[in-house]
């Protein structure tokens, strides 16, 4: 009977050893990735020159527009004068 008691005790010990929970492995969270680096080229001198040329062209267009308006006003005045002169000639 000692053998059966010993066998039963050994079985209890084996089963108790198998019943232990598995060790928990904790992994650290991944390190955050750094933000991407955006490299922008320095502005070209040609871009500044192009902007200056565009500004110059815009100013010239404004001047031409003003001159055209003035010419249109002169033409209207000349038309009125011609109409009045024609009326006077008919009298």
N, C-alpha and C. Protein backbone atom coordinates (compact mmCIF):
# COMPACT_ATOMS: atom_id res chain seq x y z
N UNK A 1 0.82 -1.18 0.00
CA UNK A 1 0.00 0.00 0.00
C UNK A 1 0.87 1.24 0.00
N UNK A 2 2.03 1.16 0.53
CA UNK A 2 2.92 2.30 0.53
C UNK A 2 3.25 2.73 -0.89
N UNK A 3 3.35 1.74 -1.76
CA UNK A 3 3.66 2.08 -3.15
C UNK A 3 2.52 2.86 -3.79
N UNK A 4 1.30 2.49 -3.54
CA UNK A 4 0.17 3.19 -4.15
C UNK A 4 0.01 4.60 -3.57
N UNK A 5 0.28 4.78 -2.30
CA UNK A 5 0.23 6.10 -1.67
C UNK A 5 1.33 6.97 -2.24
N UNK A 6 2.51 6.36 -2.38
CA UNK A 6 3.63 7.11 -2.95
C UNK A 6 3.33 7.50 -4.40
N UNK A 7 2.74 6.62 -5.18
CA UNK A 7 2.40 6.90 -6.58
C UNK A 7 1.33 7.98 -6.65
N UNK A 8 0.36 7.94 -5.76
CA UNK A 8 -0.69 8.95 -5.75
C UNK A 8 -0.11 10.31 -5.39
N UNK A 9 0.80 10.34 -4.44
CA UNK A 9 1.42 11.61 -4.05
C UNK A 9 2.28 12.16 -5.18
N UNK A 10 2.97 11.28 -5.88
CA UNK A 10 3.79 11.72 -7.02
C UNK A 10 2.92 12.28 -8.13
N UNK A 11 1.77 11.64 -8.34
CA UNK A 11 0.85 12.14 -9.36
C UNK A 11 0.31 13.52 -8.98
N UNK A 12 -0.02 13.72 -7.73
CA UNK A 12 -0.52 15.02 -7.27
C UNK A 12 0.55 16.08 -7.47
N UNK A 13 1.80 15.75 -7.15
CA UNK A 13 2.89 16.71 -7.32
C UNK A 13 3.09 17.02 -8.80
N UNK A 14 3.06 16.01 -9.65
CA UNK A 14 3.21 16.24 -11.09
C UNK A 14 2.09 17.10 -11.65
N UNK A 15 0.89 16.77 -11.28
CA UNK A 15 -0.25 17.55 -11.76
C UNK A 15 -0.21 18.99 -11.23
N UNK A 16 0.23 19.17 -10.01
CA UNK A 16 0.32 20.52 -9.45
C UNK A 16 1.40 21.31 -10.18
N UNK A 17 2.49 20.63 -10.55
CA UNK A 17 3.57 21.32 -11.26
C UNK A 17 3.12 21.70 -12.67
N UNK A 18 2.31 20.86 -13.27
CA UNK A 18 1.83 21.17 -14.62
C UNK A 18 0.76 22.25 -14.63
N UNK A 19 0.13 22.47 -13.51
CA UNK A 19 -0.97 23.41 -13.44
C UNK A 19 -0.52 24.85 -13.26
N UNK A 20 0.76 25.12 -13.16
CA UNK A 20 1.24 26.50 -12.96
C UNK A 20 1.01 27.32 -14.23
N UNK A 21 0.65 28.55 -14.05
CA UNK A 21 0.46 29.38 -15.25
C UNK A 21 1.80 29.66 -15.93
N UNK A 22 1.71 29.82 -17.20
CA UNK A 22 2.92 30.10 -17.99
C UNK A 22 3.45 31.48 -17.61
N UNK A 23 4.74 31.64 -17.62
CA UNK A 23 5.28 32.97 -17.30
C UNK A 23 4.84 34.00 -18.34
N UNK A 24 4.54 35.18 -17.88
CA UNK A 24 4.08 36.26 -18.76
C UNK A 24 5.29 37.07 -19.21
N UNK A 25 5.45 37.17 -20.52
CA UNK A 25 6.55 37.95 -21.08
C UNK A 25 5.99 39.30 -21.51
N UNK A 26 6.51 40.34 -20.93
CA UNK A 26 6.05 41.69 -21.25
C UNK A 26 7.06 42.32 -22.19
N UNK A 27 6.59 42.69 -23.36
CA UNK A 27 7.48 43.36 -24.31
C UNK A 27 7.24 44.86 -24.22
N UNK A 28 8.30 45.64 -24.25
CA UNK A 28 8.11 47.09 -24.18
C UNK A 28 7.46 47.60 -25.45
N UNK A 29 6.72 48.69 -25.35
CA UNK A 29 6.09 49.23 -26.56
C UNK A 29 7.16 49.72 -27.53
N UNK A 30 6.87 49.67 -28.82
CA UNK A 30 7.86 50.12 -29.79
C UNK A 30 8.12 51.62 -29.64
N UNK A 31 9.34 51.99 -29.88
CA UNK A 31 9.71 53.40 -29.78
C UNK A 31 9.01 54.18 -30.88
N UNK A 32 8.51 55.37 -30.59
CA UNK A 32 7.84 56.15 -31.65
C UNK A 32 8.84 56.54 -32.73
N UNK A 33 8.37 56.47 -33.95
CA UNK A 33 9.24 56.85 -35.06
C UNK A 33 9.30 58.37 -35.15
N UNK A 34 10.46 58.91 -35.45
CA UNK A 34 10.56 60.37 -35.57
C UNK A 34 9.80 60.85 -36.80
N UNK A 35 9.30 62.07 -36.77
CA UNK A 35 8.55 62.58 -37.93
C UNK A 35 9.49 62.68 -39.14
N UNK A 36 8.93 62.55 -40.33
CA UNK A 36 9.77 62.63 -41.52
C UNK A 36 10.34 64.04 -41.69
N UNK A 37 11.51 64.09 -42.23
CA UNK A 37 12.19 65.38 -42.45
C UNK A 37 11.90 65.82 -43.88
N UNK A 38 11.35 67.01 -44.01
CA UNK A 38 11.04 67.56 -45.33
C UNK A 38 12.07 68.63 -45.65
N UNK A 39 12.75 68.43 -46.74
CA UNK A 39 13.79 69.38 -47.16
C UNK A 39 13.25 70.20 -48.32
N UNK A 40 13.19 71.51 -48.13
CA UNK A 40 12.73 72.38 -49.21
C UNK A 40 13.93 73.13 -49.77
N UNK A 41 14.02 73.22 -51.08
CA UNK A 41 15.16 73.94 -51.66
C UNK A 41 15.03 75.44 -51.42
N UNK A 42 16.14 76.10 -51.39
CA UNK A 42 16.15 77.55 -51.22
C UNK A 42 15.54 78.19 -52.47
N UNK A 43 14.84 79.30 -52.31
CA UNK A 43 14.25 79.94 -53.49
C UNK A 43 15.33 80.42 -54.44
N UNK A 44 15.06 80.23 -55.71
CA UNK A 44 16.01 80.66 -56.73
C UNK A 44 15.95 82.16 -56.94
N UNK A 45 17.06 82.71 -57.35
CA UNK A 45 17.08 84.13 -57.69
C UNK A 45 16.23 84.36 -58.93
N UNK A 46 16.14 83.35 -59.81
CA UNK A 46 15.33 83.50 -61.02
C UNK A 46 13.85 83.66 -60.67
N UNK A 47 13.42 83.05 -59.56
CA UNK A 47 12.03 83.23 -59.14
C UNK A 47 11.77 84.67 -58.74
N UNK A 48 12.72 85.28 -58.05
CA UNK A 48 12.58 86.69 -57.68
C UNK A 48 12.57 87.57 -58.92
N UNK A 49 13.43 87.25 -59.87
CA UNK A 49 13.48 88.03 -61.10
C UNK A 49 12.17 87.89 -61.87
N UNK A 50 11.61 86.69 -61.88
CA UNK A 50 10.34 86.48 -62.59
C UNK A 50 9.22 87.25 -61.91
N UNK A 51 9.23 87.29 -60.58
CA UNK A 51 8.20 88.04 -59.86
C UNK A 51 8.33 89.53 -60.16
N UNK A 52 9.56 90.02 -60.17
CA UNK A 52 9.78 91.44 -60.47
C UNK A 52 9.30 91.76 -61.88
N UNK A 53 9.57 90.87 -62.83
CA UNK A 53 9.13 91.09 -64.21
C UNK A 53 7.60 91.08 -64.29
N UNK A 54 6.97 90.18 -63.54
CA UNK A 54 5.51 90.12 -63.55
C UNK A 54 4.92 91.39 -62.94
N UNK A 55 5.53 91.89 -61.88
CA UNK A 55 5.05 93.14 -61.27
C UNK A 55 5.19 94.31 -62.26
N UNK A 56 6.31 94.31 -62.95
CA UNK A 56 6.55 95.38 -63.92
C UNK A 56 5.51 95.32 -65.04
N UNK A 57 5.21 94.10 -65.51
CA UNK A 57 4.21 93.94 -66.56
C UNK A 57 2.83 94.36 -66.08
N UNK A 58 2.51 94.05 -64.82
CA UNK A 58 1.21 94.45 -64.28
C UNK A 58 1.10 95.97 -64.20
N UNK A 59 2.18 96.62 -63.79
CA UNK A 59 2.17 98.09 -63.74
C UNK A 59 2.01 98.68 -65.14
N UNK A 60 2.69 98.10 -66.12
CA UNK A 60 2.56 98.59 -67.49
C UNK A 60 1.14 98.40 -68.00
N UNK A 61 0.51 97.29 -67.64
CA UNK A 61 -0.86 97.05 -68.07
C UNK A 61 -1.81 98.06 -67.44
N UNK A 62 -1.57 98.40 -66.17
CA UNK A 62 -2.41 99.41 -65.51
C UNK A 62 -2.26 100.77 -66.18
N UNK A 63 -1.00 101.11 -66.51
CA UNK A 63 -0.76 102.39 -67.18
C UNK A 63 -1.45 102.42 -68.54
N UNK A 64 -1.36 101.32 -69.28
CA UNK A 64 -1.99 101.26 -70.60
C UNK A 64 -3.50 101.36 -70.46
N UNK A 65 -4.06 100.76 -69.43
CA UNK A 65 -5.51 100.82 -69.20
C UNK A 65 -5.93 102.25 -68.91
N UNK A 66 -5.16 102.94 -68.09
CA UNK A 66 -5.48 104.33 -67.77
C UNK A 66 -5.40 105.20 -69.02
N UNK A 67 -4.38 104.94 -69.84
CA UNK A 67 -4.23 105.72 -71.07
C UNK A 67 -5.39 105.45 -72.02
N UNK A 68 -5.84 104.20 -72.08
CA UNK A 68 -6.95 103.86 -72.96
C UNK A 68 -8.24 104.53 -72.48
N UNK A 69 -8.44 104.58 -71.18
CA UNK A 69 -9.63 105.26 -70.65
C UNK A 69 -9.59 106.74 -70.99
N UNK A 70 -8.41 107.33 -70.85
CA UNK A 70 -8.28 108.75 -71.19
C UNK A 70 -8.55 108.99 -72.67
N UNK A 71 -8.06 108.10 -73.52
CA UNK A 71 -8.31 108.24 -74.96
C UNK A 71 -9.79 108.09 -75.28
N UNK A 72 -10.45 107.20 -74.59
CA UNK A 72 -11.88 107.01 -74.81
C UNK A 72 -12.66 108.26 -74.40
N UNK A 73 -12.26 108.87 -73.30
CA UNK A 73 -12.93 110.09 -72.86
C UNK A 73 -12.71 111.21 -73.89
N UNK A 74 -11.46 111.32 -74.38
CA UNK A 74 -11.18 112.34 -75.39
C UNK A 74 -12.00 112.10 -76.65
N UNK A 75 -12.16 110.83 -77.03
CA UNK A 75 -12.93 110.52 -78.23
C UNK A 75 -14.39 110.91 -78.04
N UNK A 76 -14.94 110.67 -76.86
CA UNK A 76 -16.34 111.05 -76.60
C UNK A 76 -16.52 112.56 -76.68
N UNK A 77 -15.56 113.28 -76.09
CA UNK A 77 -15.64 114.75 -76.14
C UNK A 77 -15.54 115.25 -77.58
N UNK A 78 -14.66 114.64 -78.34
CA UNK A 78 -14.52 115.05 -79.75
C UNK A 78 -15.79 114.76 -80.52
N UNK A 79 -16.43 113.65 -80.21
CA UNK A 79 -17.69 113.32 -80.90
C UNK A 79 -18.75 114.36 -80.58
N UNK A 80 -18.85 114.75 -79.30
CA UNK A 80 -19.85 115.75 -78.91
C UNK A 80 -19.59 117.07 -79.63
N UNK A 81 -18.32 117.45 -79.69
CA UNK A 81 -17.98 118.71 -80.36
C UNK A 81 -18.31 118.65 -81.84
N UNK A 82 -18.02 117.50 -82.45
CA UNK A 82 -18.33 117.35 -83.89
C UNK A 82 -19.82 117.38 -84.12
N UNK A 83 -20.59 116.76 -83.24
CA UNK A 83 -22.05 116.76 -83.38
C UNK A 83 -22.60 118.16 -83.24
N UNK A 84 -22.07 118.90 -82.27
CA UNK A 84 -22.53 120.29 -82.10
C UNK A 84 -22.13 121.15 -83.29
N UNK A 85 -20.94 120.93 -83.80
CA UNK A 85 -20.51 121.71 -84.97
C UNK A 85 -21.37 121.40 -86.17
N UNK A 86 -21.74 120.15 -86.35
CA UNK A 86 -22.59 119.76 -87.48
C UNK A 86 -23.97 120.38 -87.35
N UNK A 87 -24.48 120.47 -86.12
CA UNK A 87 -25.78 121.09 -85.91
C UNK A 87 -25.74 122.56 -86.25
N UNK A 88 -24.64 123.22 -85.89
CA UNK A 88 -24.50 124.64 -86.16
C UNK A 88 -24.38 124.91 -87.65
N UNK A 89 -23.73 124.02 -88.35
CA UNK A 89 -23.55 124.20 -89.81
C UNK A 89 -24.90 124.06 -90.51
N UNK A 90 -25.76 123.19 -90.03
CA UNK A 90 -27.06 122.98 -90.64
C UNK A 90 -27.96 124.20 -90.47
N UNK A 91 -27.77 124.98 -89.45
CA UNK A 91 -28.62 126.14 -89.19
C UNK A 91 -28.38 127.20 -90.15
